[in-house]
Protein backbone atom coordinates (compact mmCIF):
# COMPACT_ATOMS: atom_id res chain seq x y z
CA MET A 1 11.80 15.58 5.51
CA LYS A 2 11.46 11.67 4.96
CA LYS A 3 8.00 10.47 3.73
CA LEU A 4 6.30 7.45 4.59
CA ARG A 5 6.00 5.12 1.32
CA ILE A 6 2.81 2.94 1.32
CA GLY A 7 2.41 -0.09 -0.97
CA PHE A 8 -1.05 0.42 -2.36
CA PRO A 9 -2.85 -2.70 -3.67
CA SER A 10 -3.86 -2.62 -7.56
CA GLY A 11 -6.97 -4.47 -8.91
CA SER A 12 -9.92 -5.52 -7.14
CA LEU A 13 -8.93 -3.77 -3.73
CA GLN A 14 -7.67 -0.42 -4.80
CA GLU A 15 -10.88 0.92 -4.66
CA SER A 16 -11.86 -0.16 -1.20
CA THR A 17 -8.39 0.72 -0.31
CA PHE A 18 -8.69 4.23 -1.51
CA ASN A 19 -12.22 4.30 0.38
CA LEU A 20 -10.53 3.36 3.70
CA PHE A 21 -7.49 6.00 3.19
CA ALA A 22 -10.69 8.85 2.93
CA LYS A 23 -12.45 7.48 5.93
CA ALA A 24 -9.25 8.38 7.63
CA GLY A 25 -9.44 11.79 5.92
CA TYR A 26 -6.61 11.19 3.17
CA ARG A 27 -7.35 11.81 -0.90
CA VAL A 28 -5.48 9.00 -2.41
CA ARG A 29 -6.19 9.06 -6.35
CA LEU A 30 -4.68 7.37 -9.38
CA ALA A 31 -4.46 8.97 -13.20
CA SER A 32 -4.86 5.88 -15.44
CA ARG A 33 -2.07 4.21 -16.24
CA SER A 34 0.17 5.43 -13.55
CA TYR A 35 2.01 3.46 -10.50
CA VAL A 36 1.94 6.52 -8.38
CA PRO A 37 -0.96 7.75 -6.70
CA ASP A 38 -1.41 11.13 -5.67
CA ILE A 39 -2.27 11.73 -1.70
CA ASP A 40 -3.06 14.69 -0.55
CA ASP A 41 -0.42 14.63 2.47
CA PRO A 42 3.38 15.85 1.68
CA GLU A 43 4.58 13.25 4.67
CA LEU A 44 3.15 10.10 2.54
CA GLU A 45 3.87 8.97 -0.94
CA GLY A 46 2.22 5.66 -2.49
CA LEU A 47 3.12 2.83 -5.30
CA MET A 48 0.91 0.82 -6.79
CA PHE A 49 1.93 -2.98 -6.51
CA ARG A 50 -0.17 -6.24 -7.37
CA SER A 51 -1.25 -7.60 -4.06
CA GLN A 52 0.27 -10.77 -3.95
CA GLU A 53 3.82 -8.86 -3.99
CA ILE A 54 3.46 -6.37 -1.69
CA ALA A 55 4.71 -8.26 1.52
CA LYS A 56 7.98 -9.04 -0.49
CA TYR A 57 8.45 -5.18 -1.16
CA VAL A 58 7.74 -4.31 2.20
CA ALA A 59 10.64 -6.69 3.45
CA ARG A 60 13.05 -5.69 1.29
CA GLY A 61 12.25 -1.84 2.31
CA VAL A 62 10.95 -0.75 -1.12
CA VAL A 63 8.22 0.59 0.80
CA ASP A 64 7.65 1.37 4.56
CA VAL A 65 4.36 -0.27 4.84
CA GLY A 66 1.64 -2.16 2.54
CA LEU A 67 -1.72 -3.01 2.75
CA THR A 68 -1.91 -6.80 1.42
CA GLY A 69 -3.79 -10.30 2.58
CA LYS A 70 -2.13 -12.44 5.51
CA ASP A 71 -2.35 -15.04 2.81
CA TRP A 72 0.35 -13.58 0.97
CA ILE A 73 2.53 -12.92 3.58
CA ILE A 74 2.41 -16.15 4.55
CA GLU A 75 2.84 -17.28 0.89
CA ASN A 76 5.96 -15.25 0.30
CA ASP A 77 7.35 -16.23 3.78
CA VAL A 78 8.52 -12.57 4.48
CA ASP A 79 9.54 -11.31 7.88
CA VAL A 80 7.33 -8.48 8.21
CA VAL A 81 5.49 -6.89 11.08
CA GLU A 82 1.84 -6.85 10.93
CA LEU A 83 -0.01 -3.73 12.21
CA GLY A 84 -3.60 -4.86 12.11
CA GLU A 85 -6.47 -6.62 10.30
CA LEU A 86 -9.08 -4.92 8.17
């Protein structure tokens, strides 16, 4: 089964992103010094990145989707589809 790969922002947006997923019914946890969060859905897997790099990793296919700021999409001049504004 193919998993949906999600790029999660590390740093100041990490906790609010995990809280957003919790409101949607997903438990996302990250052990200290890890870059791979644990998600309670077997169809999802995640990787932690700096917010400013997520759009580049989505454009390159490293992850399928990611959460980042529109400013980073514009600054990195990448071709990605914006699904929504949070």
